[in-house]
Amino acid sequence: EAIILLSKEEEVVEEKIELNNPLAELIEKDGEEEEFTLWSNTLKLIDNSRYSEAAENLRFLILSYPKGAYLVDSYFWLAEIYFLQENYADSSDSFNELISTYAEHSRVPDANFKLGMISLRSEDSNKAKEYFNYLINNHPDSGAGILAAEELKKFQ
């Protein structure tokens, strides 16, 4: 009888621990409404230049909604925030993750352009030219392709 009572007490303690975890509810939810709310709030943070908070939300979106509607855009904006903060290594990693994992997504040309800009800021003009030429050859009519052509003109 003592063992049975002890087991019941342990179950109650475990339930209390789960209920007291403030992130438990967020992690368990995977509905479209919660994802949209988080995404919408993140865009507001970006608009208000609250980049650290926005980056935190974006990382949470990526981890919590690995098949979510805003996944690729989350990678893009996280990389963009790193770029704005001049954290080129993390920015490059995020842009490359987007390109390698979602090669057919419409954000890929923009990610390649940003990688070219990272190369320029890192003083690797040859690598930058490779990115810009890739865009001109493969995505000439995209906004990124047009911007790449303008950047290449600066080299001449």
Foldseek 3Di string as FASTA:
>chain_A
DVVVVVVVVVVVVVVVVLVPPPCNVVLPDADPVSLVVLVVVLVVCVVVVVLVVSLVSLVCSCVRHVPDPCNLVSLQVNLVSCVVVVVLVSSLVSLVCSCVVVVPDPCNLVSLLVNLVSCVVVVNNVSSLVSLVCCCVPPCPDPSVVVSVVVVVVVD
